[in-house]
Amino acid sequence: MDSRHYNALSTLLNTTYANPSSQSGIQSVKAEFAGDKLVLKFTSVVHFAEERSLQLQVERISHESVSYLSDLVKKLKADFKEATGSSLKLKEVKSSDGLELVSGLSLRKVAYYRRNHVLEVSV
């Protein structure tokens, strides 16, 4: 990839000013480059009342995050092709997730669900 490709990809991934990644404010995806790798960072807020419901919600949000990121990658490839005329190749390297408890003292607990999706980038 050359600088023109990186600039186009950066513009397409920009979710800051006037281009939010989530209208609801409950989930977001941020992206960063690490050499020839692209790291997509999915974050969502999870509310739960007891341990049983947490497991169900984590399973649901895990499937949701994989689907959301898959759709994002498809759209990114199409938009990149339209912007540059080149085909973007994204090969999955790894995908990992985790849960961080933010508020556990009240009856209604709050946690952050995070998934890091690492992709190898080439044109």
PDB file of N, CA and C in Angstrom:
ATOM      1  N   MET A   1       0.837  -1.185   0.000  1.00  0.00           N
ATOM      2  CA  MET A   1       0.000   0.000   0.000  1.00  0.00           C
ATOM      3  C   MET A   1       0.876   1.241   0.000  1.00  0.00           C
ATOM      4  N   ASP A   2       0.440   2.240  -0.742  1.00  0.00           N
ATOM      5  CA  ASP A   2       1.171   3.505  -0.741  1.00  0.00           C
ATOM      6  C   ASP A   2       0.415   4.534   0.100  1.00  0.00           C
ATOM      7  N   SER A   3       0.981   5.734   0.192  1.00  0.00           N
ATOM      8  CA  SER A   3       0.391   6.765   1.061  1.00  0.00           C
ATOM      9  C   SER A   3      -1.011   7.174   0.603  1.00  0.00           C
ATOM     10  N   ARG A   4      -1.270   7.125  -0.693  1.00  0.00           N
ATOM     11  CA  ARG A   4      -2.603   7.456  -1.210  1.00  0.00           C
ATOM     12  C   ARG A   4      -3.638   6.461  -0.673  1.00  0.00           C
ATOM     13  N   HIS A   5      -3.254   5.182  -0.640  1.00  0.00           N
ATOM     14  CA  HIS A   5      -4.161   4.151  -0.118  1.00  0.00           C
ATOM     15  C   HIS A   5      -4.388   4.321   1.383  1.00  0.00           C
ATOM     16  N   TYR A   6      -3.317   4.603   2.132  1.00  0.00           N
ATOM     17  CA  TYR A   6      -3.459   4.822   3.577  1.00  0.00           C
ATOM     18  C   TYR A   6      -4.338   6.034   3.868  1.00  0.00           C
ATOM     19  N   ASN A   7      -4.155   7.101   3.093  1.00  0.00           N
ATOM     20  CA  ASN A   7      -4.975   8.305   3.294  1.00  0.00           C
ATOM     21  C   ASN A   7      -6.455   8.008   3.026  1.00  0.00           C
ATOM     22  N   ALA A   8      -6.728   7.287   1.949  1.00  0.00           N
ATOM     23  CA  ALA A   8      -8.114   6.947   1.617  1.00  0.00           C
ATOM     24  C   ALA A   8      -8.725   6.073   2.713  1.00  0.00           C
ATOM     25  N   LEU A   9      -7.963   5.082   3.165  1.00  0.00           N
ATOM     26  CA  LEU A   9      -8.450   4.183   4.208  1.00  0.00           C
ATOM     27  C   LEU A   9      -8.667   4.938   5.514  1.00  0.00           C
ATOM     28  N   SER A  10      -7.761   5.836   5.855  1.00  0.00           N
ATOM     29  CA  SER A  10      -7.905   6.643   7.078  1.00  0.00           C
ATOM     30  C   SER A  10      -9.158   7.509   7.021  1.00  0.00           C
ATOM     31  N   THR A  11      -9.415   8.106   5.873  1.00  0.00           N
ATOM     32  CA  THR A  11     -10.600   8.937   5.706  1.00  0.00           C
ATOM     33  C   THR A  11     -11.875   8.107   5.869  1.00  0.00           C
ATOM     34  N   LEU A  12     -11.896   6.922   5.287  1.00  0.00           N
ATOM     35  CA  LEU A  12     -13.069   6.053   5.389  1.00  0.00           C
ATOM     36  C   LEU A  12     -13.302   5.566   6.821  1.00  0.00           C
ATOM     37  N   LEU A  13     -12.227   5.416   7.580  1.00  0.00           N
ATOM     38  CA  LEU A  13     -12.328   4.915   8.954  1.00  0.00           C
ATOM     39  C   LEU A  13     -12.554   6.015   9.983  1.00  0.00           C
ATOM     40  N   ASN A  14     -12.467   7.274   9.578  1.00  0.00           N
ATOM     41  CA  ASN A  14     -12.603   8.398  10.505  1.00  0.00           C
ATOM     42  C   ASN A  14     -14.014   8.445  11.078  1.00  0.00           C
ATOM     43  N   THR A  15     -14.125   8.319  12.384  1.00  0.00           N
ATOM     44  CA  THR A  15     -15.440   8.374  13.032  1.00  0.00           C
ATOM     45  C   THR A  15     -15.495   9.490  14.074  1.00  0.00           C
ATOM     46  N   THR A  16     -14.695  10.525  13.859  1.00  0.00           N
ATOM     47  CA  THR A  16     -14.706  11.611  14.839  1.00  0.00           C
ATOM     48  C   THR A  16     -15.665  12.700  14.389  1.00  0.00           C
ATOM     49  N   TYR A  17     -15.183  13.832  14.016  1.00  0.00           N
ATOM     50  CA  TYR A  17     -15.996  15.004  13.712  1.00  0.00           C
ATOM     51  C   TYR A  17     -17.015  14.738  12.602  1.00  0.00           C
ATOM     52  N   ALA A  18     -18.294  14.911  12.914  1.00  0.00           N
ATOM     53  CA  ALA A  18     -19.415  14.833  11.972  1.00  0.00           C
ATOM     54  C   ALA A  18     -19.558  13.468  11.292  1.00  0.00           C
ATOM     55  N   ASN A  19     -18.932  12.434  11.854  1.00  0.00           N
ATOM     56  CA  ASN A  19     -19.029  11.112  11.247  1.00  0.00           C
ATOM     57  C   ASN A  19     -19.034  10.048  12.345  1.00  0.00           C
ATOM     58  N   PRO A  20     -20.067  10.010  13.188  1.00  0.00           N
ATOM     59  CA  PRO A  20     -20.066   9.086  14.318  1.00  0.00           C
ATOM     60  C   PRO A  20     -20.189   7.633  13.885  1.00  0.00           C
ATOM     61  N   SER A  21     -19.588   6.726  14.673  1.00  0.00           N
ATOM     62  CA  SER A  21     -19.669   5.303  14.346  1.00  0.00           C
ATOM     63  C   SER A  21     -20.949   4.675  14.875  1.00  0.00           C
ATOM     64  N   SER A  22     -21.610   5.322  15.802  1.00  0.00           N
ATOM     65  CA  SER A  22     -22.844   4.779  16.366  1.00  0.00           C
ATOM     66  C   SER A  22     -23.791   5.924  16.698  1.00  0.00           C
ATOM     67  N   GLN A  23     -24.979   5.869  16.167  1.00  0.00           N
ATOM     68  CA  GLN A  23     -25.969   6.900  16.463  1.00  0.00           C
ATOM     69  C   GLN A  23     -26.504   6.754  17.883  1.00  0.00           C
ATOM     70  N   SER A  24     -26.459   5.531  18.438  1.00  0.00           N
ATOM     71  CA  SER A  24     -27.045   5.291  19.751  1.00  0.00           C
ATOM     72  C   SER A  24     -26.136   5.734  20.889  1.00  0.00           C
ATOM     73  N   GLY A  25     -24.841   5.777  20.670  1.00  0.00           N
ATOM     74  CA  GLY A  25     -23.906   6.125  21.727  1.00  0.00           C
ATOM     75  C   GLY A  25     -23.601   4.969  22.657  1.00  0.00           C
ATOM     76  N   ILE A  26     -24.190   3.800  22.411  1.00  0.00           N
ATOM     77  CA  ILE A  26     -23.971   2.636  23.261  1.00  0.00           C
ATOM     78  C   ILE A  26     -22.802   1.796  22.763  1.00  0.00           C
ATOM     79  N   GLN A  27     -22.532   1.839  21.474  1.00  0.00           N
ATOM     80  CA  GLN A  27     -21.411   1.091  20.929  1.00  0.00           C
ATOM     81  C   GLN A  27     -20.634   1.953  19.954  1.00  0.00           C
ATOM     82  N   SER A  28     -19.353   1.602  19.792  1.00  0.00           N
ATOM     83  CA  SER A  28     -18.529   2.339  18.852  1.00  0.00           C
ATOM     84  C   SER A  28     -17.439   1.439  18.293  1.00  0.00           C
ATOM     85  N   VAL A  29     -16.902   1.841  17.163  1.00  0.00           N
ATOM     86  CA  VAL A  29     -15.757   1.162  16.565  1.00  0.00           C
ATOM     87  C   VAL A  29     -14.721   2.221  16.233  1.00  0.00           C
ATOM     88  N   LYS A  30     -13.539   2.020  16.727  1.00  0.00           N
ATOM     89  CA  LYS A  30     -12.406   2.880  16.413  1.00  0.00           C
ATOM     90  C   LYS A  30     -11.380   2.025  15.693  1.00  0.00           C
ATOM     91  N   ALA A  31     -10.549   2.651  14.876  1.00  0.00           N
ATOM     92  CA  ALA A  31      -9.545   1.917  14.108  1.00  0.00           C
ATOM     93  C   ALA A  31      -8.179   2.547  14.300  1.00  0.00           C
ATOM     94  N   GLU A  32      -7.159   1.690  14.245  1.00  0.00           N
ATOM     95  CA  GLU A  32      -5.784   2.188  14.285  1.00  0.00           C
ATOM     96  C   GLU A  32      -4.908   1.263  13.458  1.00  0.00           C
ATOM     97  N   PHE A  33      -3.854   1.844  12.905  1.00  0.00           N
ATOM     98  CA  PHE A  33      -2.888   1.076  12.131  1.00  0.00           C
ATOM     99  C   PHE A  33      -1.738   0.659  13.034  1.00  0.00           C
ATOM    100  N   ALA A  34      -1.260  -0.564  12.824  1.00  0.00           N
ATOM    101  CA  ALA A  34      -0.074  -1.068  13.516  1.00  0.00           C
ATOM    102  C   ALA A  34       0.772  -1.749  12.439  1.00  0.00           C
ATOM    103  N   GLY A  35       1.614  -0.968  11.773  1.00  0.00           N
ATOM    104  CA  GLY A  35       2.387  -1.499  10.646  1.00  0.00           C
ATOM    105  C   GLY A  35       1.454  -1.821   9.496  1.00  0.00           C
ATOM    106  N   ASP A  36       1.497  -3.065   8.996  1.00  0.00           N
ATOM    107  CA  ASP A  36       0.604  -3.474   7.911  1.00  0.00           C
ATOM    108  C   ASP A  36      -0.690  -4.093   8.437  1.00  0.00           C
ATOM    109  N   LYS A  37      -0.964  -3.877   9.707  1.00  0.00           N
ATOM    110  CA  LYS A  37      -2.164  -4.407  10.348  1.00  0.00           C
ATOM    111  C   LYS A  37      -3.142  -3.270  10.649  1.00  0.00           C
ATOM    112  N   LEU A  38      -4.407  -3.600  10.566  1.00  0.00           N
ATOM    113  CA  LEU A  38      -5.477  -2.689  10.934  1.00  0.00           C
ATOM    114  C   LEU A  38      -6.181  -3.299  12.133  1.00  0.00           C
ATOM    115  N   VAL A  39      -6.307  -2.533  13.224  1.00  0.00           N
ATOM    116  CA  VAL A  39      -6.978  -3.014  14.425  1.00  0.00           C
ATOM    117  C   VAL A  39      -8.304  -2.273  14.560  1.00  0.00           C
ATOM    118  N   LEU A  40      -9.404  -3.025  14.484  1.00  0.00           N
ATOM    119  CA  LEU A  40     -10.731  -2.461  14.702  1.00  0.00           C
ATOM    120  C   LEU A  40     -11.115  -2.750  16.142  1.00  0.00           C
ATOM    121  N   LYS A  41     -11.446  -1.695  16.890  1.00  0.00           N
ATOM    122  CA  LYS A  41     -11.759  -1.829  18.319  1.00  0.00           C
ATOM    123  C   LYS A  41     -13.232  -1.527  18.550  1.00  0.00           C
ATOM    124  N   PHE A  42     -13.980  -2.593  18.786  1.00  0.00           N
ATOM    125  CA  PHE A  42     -15.417  -2.499  19.042  1.00  0.00           C
ATOM    126  C   PHE A  42     -15.622  -2.379  20.552  1.00  0.00           C
ATOM    127  N   THR A  43     -16.442  -1.420  20.975  1.00  0.00           N
ATOM    128  CA  THR A  43     -16.766  -1.251  22.396  1.00  0.00           C
ATOM    129  C   THR A  43     -18.268  -1.061  22.540  1.00  0.00           C
ATOM    130  N   SER A  44     -18.842  -1.712  23.560  1.00  0.00           N
ATOM    131  CA  SER A  44     -20.265  -1.567  23.831  1.00  0.00           C
ATOM    132  C   SER A  44     -20.494  -1.548  25.335  1.00  0.00           C
ATOM    133  N   VAL A  45     -21.513  -0.832  25.763  1.00  0.00           N
ATOM    134  CA  VAL A  45     -21.900  -0.788  27.164  1.00  0.00           C
ATOM    135  C   VAL A  45     -22.931  -1.890  27.404  1.00  0.00           C
ATOM    136  N   VAL A  46     -22.730  -2.673  28.482  1.00  0.00           N
ATOM    137  CA  VAL A  46     -23.634  -3.766  28.834  1.00  0.00           C
ATOM    138  C   VAL A  46     -24.188  -3.500  30.231  1.00  0.00           C
ATOM    139  N   HIS A  47     -25.511  -3.577  30.375  1.00  0.00           N
ATOM    140  CA  HIS A  47     -26.176  -3.426  31.680  1.00  0.00           C
ATOM    141  C   HIS A  47     -26.749  -4.783  32.061  1.00  0.00           C
ATOM    142  N   PHE A  48     -26.579  -5.178  33.311  1.00  0.00           N
ATOM    143  CA  PHE A  48     -27.120  -6.450  33.756  1.00  0.00           C
ATOM    144  C   PHE A  48     -27.414  -6.401  35.250  1.00  0.00           C
ATOM    145  N   ALA A  49     -28.309  -7.305  35.693  1.00  0.00           N
ATOM    146  CA  ALA A  49     -28.715  -7.311  37.101  1.00  0.00           C
ATOM    147  C   ALA A  49     -28.096  -8.471  37.874  1.00  0.00           C
ATOM    148  N   GLU A  50     -27.839  -9.585  37.203  1.00  0.00           N
ATOM    149  CA  GLU A  50     -27.274 -10.738  37.896  1.00  0.00           C
ATOM    150  C   GLU A  50     -26.363 -11.517  36.952  1.00  0.00           C
ATOM    151  N   GLU A  51     -25.572 -12.412  37.509  1.00  0.00           N
ATOM    152  CA  GLU A  51     -24.580 -13.169  36.747  1.00  0.00           C
ATOM    153  C   GLU A  51     -25.191 -13.948  35.579  1.00  0.00           C
ATOM    154  N   ARG A  52     -26.365 -14.563  35.799  1.00  0.00           N
ATOM    155  CA  ARG A  52     -27.019 -15.337  34.732  1.00  0.00           C
ATOM    156  C   ARG A  52     -27.278 -14.474  33.509  1.00  0.00           C
ATOM    157  N   SER A  53     -27.823 -13.288  33.728  1.00  0.00           N
ATOM    158  CA  SER A  53     -28.148 -12.421  32.596  1.00  0.00           C
ATOM    159  C   SER A  53     -26.880 -11.904  31.932  1.00  0.00           C
ATOM    160  N   LEU A  54     -25.807 -11.757  32.691  1.00  0.00           N
ATOM    161  CA  LEU A  54     -24.540 -11.299  32.103  1.00  0.00           C
ATOM    162  C   LEU A  54     -24.047 -12.282  31.053  1.00  0.00           C
ATOM    163  N   GLN A  55     -24.047 -13.577  31.355  1.00  0.00           N
ATOM    164  CA  GLN A  55     -23.579 -14.579  30.395  1.00  0.00           C
ATOM    165  C   GLN A  55     -24.388 -14.537  29.101  1.00  0.00           C
ATOM    166  N   LEU A  56     -25.704 -14.427  29.216  1.00  0.00           N
ATOM    167  CA  LEU A  56     -26.563 -14.355  28.031  1.00  0.00           C
ATOM    168  C   LEU A  56     -26.266 -13.102  27.214  1.00  0.00           C
ATOM    169  N   GLN A  57     -26.089 -11.980  27.914  1.00  0.00           N
ATOM    170  CA  GLN A  57     -25.821 -10.730  27.212  1.00  0.00           C
ATOM    171  C   GLN A  57     -24.447 -10.742  26.550  1.00  0.00           C
ATOM    172  N   VAL A  58     -23.458 -11.335  27.199  1.00  0.00           N
ATOM    173  CA  VAL A  58     -22.121 -11.401  26.614  1.00  0.00           C
ATOM    174  C   VAL A  58     -22.140 -12.267  25.358  1.00  0.00           C
ATOM    175  N   GLU A  59     -22.850 -13.391  25.393  1.00  0.00           N
ATOM    176  CA  GLU A  59     -22.979 -14.227  24.197  1.00  0.00           C
ATOM    177  C   GLU A  59     -23.646 -13.448  23.066  1.00  0.00           C
ATOM    178  N   ARG A  60     -24.715 -12.747  23.402  1.00  0.00           N
ATOM    179  CA  ARG A  60     -25.448 -11.966  22.390  1.00  0.00           C
ATOM    180  C   ARG A  60     -24.573 -10.870  21.797  1.00  0.00           C
ATOM    181  N   ILE A  61     -23.909 -10.102  22.669  1.00  0.00           N
ATOM    182  CA  ILE A  61     -23.090  -8.989  22.179  1.00  0.00           C
ATOM    183  C   ILE A  61     -21.861  -9.498  21.435  1.00  0.00           C
ATOM    184  N   SER A  62     -21.364 -10.669  21.797  1.00  0.00           N
ATOM    185  CA  SER A  62     -20.239 -11.267  21.079  1.00  0.00           C
ATOM    186  C   SER A  62     -20.631 -11.558  19.629  1.00  0.00           C
ATOM    187  N   HIS A  63     -21.788 -12.198  19.443  1.00  0.00           N
ATOM    188  CA  HIS A  63     -22.282 -12.471  18.085  1.00  0.00           C
ATOM    189  C   HIS A  63     -22.569 -11.170  17.339  1.00  0.00           C
ATOM    190  N   GLU A  64     -23.155 -10.224  18.051  1.00  0.00           N
ATOM    191  CA  GLU A  64     -23.464  -8.919  17.471  1.00  0.00           C
ATOM    192  C   GLU A  64     -22.192  -8.215  16.988  1.00  0.00           C
ATOM    193  N   SER A  65     -21.137  -8.249  17.803  1.00  0.00           N
ATOM    194  CA  SER A  65     -19.891  -7.557  17.452  1.00  0.00           C
ATOM    195  C   SER A  65     -19.238  -8.186  16.231  1.00  0.00           C
ATOM    196  N   VAL A  66     -19.258  -9.519  16.152  1.00  0.00           N
ATOM    197  CA  VAL A  66     -18.682 -10.209  14.993  1.00  0.00           C
ATOM    198  C   VAL A  66     -19.449  -9.833  13.735  1.00  0.00           C
ATOM    199  N   SER A  67     -20.766  -9.827  13.820  1.00  0.00           N
ATOM    200  CA  SER A  67     -21.605  -9.459  12.679  1.00  0.00           C
ATOM    201  C   SER A  67     -21.388  -7.995  12.277  1.00  0.00           C
ATOM    202  N   TYR A  68     -21.353  -7.119  13.266  1.00  0.00           N
ATOM    203  CA  TYR A  68     -21.156  -5.682  13.031  1.00  0.00           C
ATOM    204  C   TYR A  68     -19.817  -5.434  12.340  1.00  0.00           C
ATOM    205  N   LEU A  69     -18.755  -6.067  12.844  1.00  0.00           N
ATOM    206  CA  LEU A  69     -17.425  -5.873  12.253  1.00  0.00           C
ATOM    207  C   LEU A  69     -17.338  -6.490  10.864  1.00  0.00           C
ATOM    208  N   SER A  70     -17.998  -7.607  10.654  1.00  0.00           N
ATOM    209  CA  SER A  70     -18.026  -8.232   9.329  1.00  0.00           C
ATOM    210  C   SER A  70     -18.697  -7.303   8.313  1.00  0.00           C
ATOM    211  N   ASP A  71     -19.825  -6.717   8.701  1.00  0.00           N
ATOM    212  CA  ASP A  71     -20.513  -5.764   7.826  1.00  0.00           C
ATOM    213  C   ASP A  71     -19.650  -4.537   7.567  1.00  0.00           C
ATOM    214  N   LEU A  72     -18.952  -4.070   8.600  1.00  0.00           N
ATOM    215  CA  LEU A  72     -18.079  -2.907   8.462  1.00  0.00           C
ATOM    216  C   LEU A  72     -16.951  -3.191   7.472  1.00  0.00           C
ATOM    217  N   VAL A  73     -16.362  -4.381   7.546  1.00  0.00           N
ATOM    218  CA  VAL A  73     -15.275  -4.764   6.633  1.00  0.00           C
ATOM    219  C   VAL A  73     -15.784  -4.817   5.193  1.00  0.00           C
ATOM    220  N   LYS A  74     -16.970  -5.395   4.978  1.00  0.00           N
ATOM    221  CA  LYS A  74     -17.553  -5.448   3.632  1.00  0.00           C
ATOM    222  C   LYS A  74     -17.772  -4.041   3.076  1.00  0.00           C
ATOM    223  N   LYS A  75     -18.333  -3.166   3.898  1.00  0.00           N
ATOM    224  CA  LYS A  75     -18.584  -1.783   3.471  1.00  0.00           C
ATOM    225  C   LYS A  75     -17.274  -1.053   3.213  1.00  0.00           C
ATOM    226  N   LEU A  76     -16.293  -1.282   4.060  1.00  0.00           N
ATOM    227  CA  LEU A  76     -14.986  -0.649   3.907  1.00  0.00           C
ATOM    228  C   LEU A  76     -14.343  -1.043   2.586  1.00  0.00           C
ATOM    229  N   LYS A  77     -14.417  -2.323   2.231  1.00  0.00           N
ATOM    230  CA  LYS A  77     -13.852  -2.793   0.960  1.00  0.00           C
ATOM    231  C   LYS A  77     -14.547  -2.130  -0.232  1.00  0.00           C
ATOM    232  N   ALA A  78     -15.873  -2.064  -0.177  1.00  0.00           N
ATOM    233  CA  ALA A  78     -16.638  -1.453  -1.271  1.00  0.00           C
ATOM    234  C   ALA A  78     -16.336   0.039  -1.386  1.00  0.00           C
ATOM    235  N   ASP A  79     -16.315   0.745  -0.253  1.00  0.00           N
ATOM    236  CA  ASP A  79     -16.031   2.182  -0.262  1.00  0.00           C
ATOM    237  C   ASP A  79     -14.610   2.472  -0.716  1.00  0.00           C
ATOM    238  N   PHE A  80     -13.664   1.621  -0.325  1.00  0.00           N
ATOM    239  CA  PHE A  80     -12.265   1.787  -0.726  1.00  0.00           C
ATOM    240  C   PHE A  80     -12.135   1.622  -2.236  1.00  0.00           C
ATOM    241  N   LYS A  81     -12.804   0.620  -2.790  1.00  0.00           N
ATOM    242  CA  LYS A  81     -12.783   0.379  -4.237  1.00  0.00           C
ATOM    243  C   LYS A  81     -13.343   1.582  -4.977  1.00  0.00           C
ATOM    244  N   GLU A  82     -14.431   2.137  -4.460  1.00  0.00           N
ATOM    245  CA  GLU A  82     -15.053   3.306  -5.078  1.00  0.00           C
ATOM    246  C   GLU A  82     -14.138   4.534  -4.997  1.00  0.00           C
ATOM    247  N   ALA A  83     -13.462   4.703  -3.868  1.00  0.00           N
ATOM    248  CA  ALA A  83     -12.618   5.888  -3.653  1.00  0.00           C
ATOM    249  C   ALA A  83     -11.296   5.826  -4.411  1.00  0.00           C
ATOM    250  N   THR A  84     -10.720   4.622  -4.543  1.00  0.00           N
ATOM    251  CA  THR A  84      -9.372   4.523  -5.123  1.00  0.00           C
ATOM    252  C   THR A  84      -9.310   3.764  -6.438  1.00  0.00           C
ATOM    253  N   GLY A  85     -10.314   2.950  -6.718  1.00  0.00           N
ATOM    254  CA  GLY A  85     -10.268   2.099  -7.908  1.00  0.00           C
ATOM    255  C   GLY A  85      -9.484   0.816  -7.670  1.00  0.00           C
ATOM    256  N   SER A  86      -8.928   0.655  -6.486  1.00  0.00           N
ATOM    257  CA  SER A  86      -8.151  -0.538  -6.134  1.00  0.00           C
ATOM    258  C   SER A  86      -8.950  -1.420  -5.182  1.00  0.00           C
ATOM    259  N   SER A  87      -8.651  -2.707  -5.209  1.00  0.00           N
ATOM    260  CA  SER A  87      -9.307  -3.643  -4.292  1.00  0.00           C
ATOM    261  C   SER A  87      -8.526  -3.724  -2.990  1.00  0.00           C
ATOM    262  N   LEU A  88      -9.233  -3.619  -1.892  1.00  0.00           N
ATOM    263  CA  LEU A  88      -8.638  -3.712  -0.567  1.00  0.00           C
ATOM    264  C   LEU A  88      -8.743  -5.156  -0.096  1.00  0.00           C
ATOM    265  N   LYS A  89      -7.604  -5.717   0.330  1.00  0.00           N
ATOM    266  CA  LYS A  89      -7.588  -7.077   0.853  1.00  0.00           C
ATOM    267  C   LYS A  89      -7.361  -7.001   2.356  1.00  0.00           C
ATOM    268  N   LEU A  90      -8.273  -7.598   3.111  1.00  0.00           N
ATOM    269  CA  LEU A  90      -8.184  -7.633   4.572  1.00  0.00           C
ATOM    270  C   LEU A  90      -8.262  -9.082   5.019  1.00  0.00           C
ATOM    271  N   LYS A  91      -7.160  -9.575   5.579  1.00  0.00           N
ATOM    272  CA  LYS A  91      -7.096 -10.961   6.050  1.00  0.00           C
ATOM    273  C   LYS A  91      -7.109 -10.963   7.575  1.00  0.00           C
ATOM    274  N   GLU A  92      -8.061 -11.710   8.158  1.00  0.00           N
ATOM    275  CA  GLU A  92      -8.159 -11.760   9.619  1.00  0.00           C
ATOM    276  C   GLU A  92      -6.928 -12.438  10.213  1.00  0.00           C
ATOM    277  N   VAL A  93      -6.301 -11.757  11.171  1.00  0.00           N
ATOM    278  CA  VAL A  93      -5.149 -12.298  11.879  1.00  0.00           C
ATOM    279  C   VAL A  93      -5.610 -12.886  13.210  1.00  0.00           C
ATOM    280  N   LYS A  94      -6.387 -12.093  13.959  1.00  0.00           N
ATOM    281  CA  LYS A  94      -6.959 -12.589  15.207  1.00  0.00           C
ATOM    282  C   LYS A  94      -8.096 -11.675  15.644  1.00  0.00           C
ATOM    283  N   SER A  95      -8.918 -12.225  16.519  1.00  0.00           N
ATOM    284  CA  SER A  95     -10.029 -11.467  17.077  1.00  0.00           C
ATOM    285  C   SER A  95     -10.195 -11.932  18.524  1.00  0.00           C
ATOM    286  N   SER A  96     -10.173 -10.985  19.442  1.00  0.00           N
ATOM    287  CA  SER A  96     -10.308 -11.334  20.857  1.00  0.00           C
ATOM    288  C   SER A  96     -11.269 -10.370  21.530  1.00  0.00           C
ATOM    289  N   ASP A  97     -11.902 -10.843  22.607  1.00  0.00           N
ATOM    290  CA  ASP A  97     -12.856  -9.988  23.309  1.00  0.00           C
ATOM    291  C   ASP A  97     -12.656 -10.082  24.809  1.00  0.00           C
ATOM    292  N   GLY A  98     -13.278  -9.154  25.517  1.00  0.00           N
ATOM    293  CA  GLY A  98     -13.170  -9.128  26.970  1.00  0.00           C
ATOM    294  C   GLY A  98     -14.251  -8.253  27.562  1.00  0.00           C
ATOM    295  N   LEU A  99     -14.410  -8.374  28.867  1.00  0.00           N
ATOM    296  CA  LEU A  99     -15.432  -7.630  29.590  1.00  0.00           C
ATOM    297  C   LEU A  99     -14.780  -6.928  30.771  1.00  0.00           C
ATOM    298  N   GLU A 100     -15.102  -5.655  30.948  1.00  0.00           N
ATOM    299  CA  GLU A 100     -14.565  -4.871  32.066  1.00  0.00           C
ATOM    300  C   GLU A 100     -15.727  -4.340  32.890  1.00  0.00           C
ATOM    301  N   LEU A 101     -15.813  -4.774  34.132  1.00  0.00           N
ATOM    302  CA  LEU A 101     -16.863  -4.315  35.031  1.00  0.00           C
ATOM    303  C   LEU A 101     -16.568  -2.879  35.448  1.00  0.00           C
ATOM    304  N   VAL A 102     -17.524  -1.988  35.222  1.00  0.00           N
ATOM    305  CA  VAL A 102     -17.353  -0.572  35.556  1.00  0.00           C
ATOM    306  C   VAL A 102     -18.018  -0.250  36.881  1.00  0.00           C
ATOM    307  N   SER A 103     -19.236  -0.718  37.051  1.00  0.00           N
ATOM    308  CA  SER A 103     -20.001  -0.448  38.266  1.00  0.00           C
ATOM    309  C   SER A 103     -20.644  -1.749  38.722  1.00  0.00           C
ATOM    310  N   GLY A 104     -20.167  -2.285  39.845  1.00  0.00           N
ATOM    311  CA  GLY A 104     -20.699  -3.539  40.326  1.00  0.00           C
ATOM    312  C   GLY A 104     -21.326  -3.461  41.702  1.00  0.00           C
ATOM    313  N   LEU A 105     -21.385  -2.274  42.275  1.00  0.00           N
ATOM    314  CA  LEU A 105     -21.898  -2.138  43.639  1.00  0.00           C
ATOM    315  C   LEU A 105     -23.414  -2.016  43.703  1.00  0.00           C
ATOM    316  N   SER A 106     -24.028  -1.468  42.690  1.00  0.00           N
ATOM    317  CA  SER A 106     -25.486  -1.296  42.710  1.00  0.00           C
ATOM    318  C   SER A 106     -26.166  -2.557  42.168  1.00  0.00           C
ATOM    319  N   LEU A 107     -27.497  -2.591  42.230  1.00  0.00           N
ATOM    320  CA  LEU A 107     -28.239  -3.727  41.692  1.00  0.00           C
ATOM    321  C   LEU A 107     -28.078  -3.835  40.190  1.00  0.00           C
ATOM    322  N   ARG A 108     -28.033  -2.707  39.521  1.00  0.00           N
ATOM    323  CA  ARG A 108     -27.856  -2.687  38.067  1.00  0.00           C
ATOM    324  C   ARG A 108     -26.384  -2.475  37.768  1.00  0.00           C
ATOM    325  N   LYS A 109     -25.738  -3.500  37.294  1.00  0.00           N
ATOM    326  CA  LYS A 109     -24.305  -3.448  37.039  1.00  0.00           C
ATOM    327  C   LYS A 109     -24.043  -2.987  35.600  1.00  0.00           C
ATOM    328  N   VAL A 110     -22.902  -2.347  35.409  1.00  0.00           N
ATOM    329  CA  VAL A 110     -22.515  -1.827  34.100  1.00  0.00           C
ATOM    330  C   VAL A 110     -21.133  -2.362  33.763  1.00  0.00           C
ATOM    331  N   ALA A 111     -20.969  -2.764  32.490  1.00  0.00           N
ATOM    332  CA  ALA A 111     -19.671  -3.263  32.038  1.00  0.00           C
ATOM    333  C   ALA A 111     -19.417  -2.780  30.618  1.00  0.00           C
ATOM    334  N   TYR A 112     -18.145  -2.742  30.242  1.00  0.00           N
ATOM    335  CA  TYR A 112     -17.744  -2.492  28.857  1.00  0.00           C
ATOM    336  C   TYR A 112     -17.396  -3.833  28.225  1.00  0.00           C
ATOM    337  N   TYR A 113     -18.002  -4.095  27.078  1.00  0.00           N
ATOM    338  CA  TYR A 113     -17.613  -5.256  26.274  1.00  0.00           C
ATOM    339  C   TYR A 113     -16.707  -4.721  25.176  1.00  0.00           C
ATOM    340  N   ARG A 114     -15.550  -5.361  24.996  1.00  0.00           N
ATOM    341  CA  ARG A 114     -14.604  -4.915  23.964  1.00  0.00           C
ATOM    342  C   ARG A 114     -14.177  -6.092  23.100  1.00  0.00           C
ATOM    343  N   ARG A 115     -14.051  -5.832  21.800  1.00  0.00           N
ATOM    344  CA  ARG A 115     -13.503  -6.813  20.860  1.00  0.00           C
ATOM    345  C   ARG A 115     -12.460  -6.105  20.010  1.00  0.00           C
ATOM    346  N   ASN A 116     -11.258  -6.687  19.954  1.00  0.00           N
ATOM    347  CA  ASN A 116     -10.207  -6.205  19.068  1.00  0.00           C
ATOM    348  C   ASN A 116     -10.102  -7.175  17.905  1.00  0.00           C
ATOM    349  N   HIS A 117     -10.272  -6.648  16.713  1.00  0.00           N
ATOM    350  CA  HIS A 117     -10.279  -7.425  15.490  1.00  0.00           C
ATOM    351  C   HIS A 117      -9.078  -6.985  14.664  1.00  0.00           C
ATOM    352  N   VAL A 118      -8.072  -7.854  14.522  1.00  0.00           N
ATOM    353  CA  VAL A 118      -6.827  -7.500  13.840  1.00  0.00           C
ATOM    354  C   VAL A 118      -6.840  -8.075  12.427  1.00  0.00           C
ATOM    355  N   LEU A 119      -6.591  -7.195  11.456  1.00  0.00           N
ATOM    356  CA  LEU A 119      -6.614  -7.574  10.045  1.00  0.00           C
ATOM    357  C   LEU A 119      -5.308  -7.172   9.364  1.00  0.00           C
ATOM    358  N   GLU A 120      -4.818  -8.037   8.499  1.00  0.00           N
ATOM    359  CA  GLU A 120      -3.651  -7.704   7.671  1.00  0.00           C
ATOM    360  C   GLU A 120      -4.157  -6.984   6.443  1.00  0.00           C
ATOM    361  N   VAL A 121      -3.542  -5.832   6.116  1.00  0.00           N
ATOM    362  CA  VAL A 121      -4.018  -4.974   5.041  1.00  0.00           C
ATOM    363  C   VAL A 121      -3.078  -5.041   3.853  1.00  0.00           C
ATOM    364  N   SER A 122      -3.668  -5.201   2.661  1.00  0.00           N
ATOM    365  CA  SER A 122      -2.892  -5.109   1.416  1.00  0.00           C
ATOM    366  C   SER A 122      -3.823  -4.674   0.298  1.00  0.00           C
ATOM    367  N   VAL A 123      -3.219  -4.277  -0.810  1.00  0.00           N
ATOM    368  CA  VAL A 123      -3.989  -3.841  -1.982  1.00  0.00           C
ATOM    369  C   VAL A 123      -3.659  -4.752  -3.132  1.00  0.00           C
TER     370      VAL A 123
END
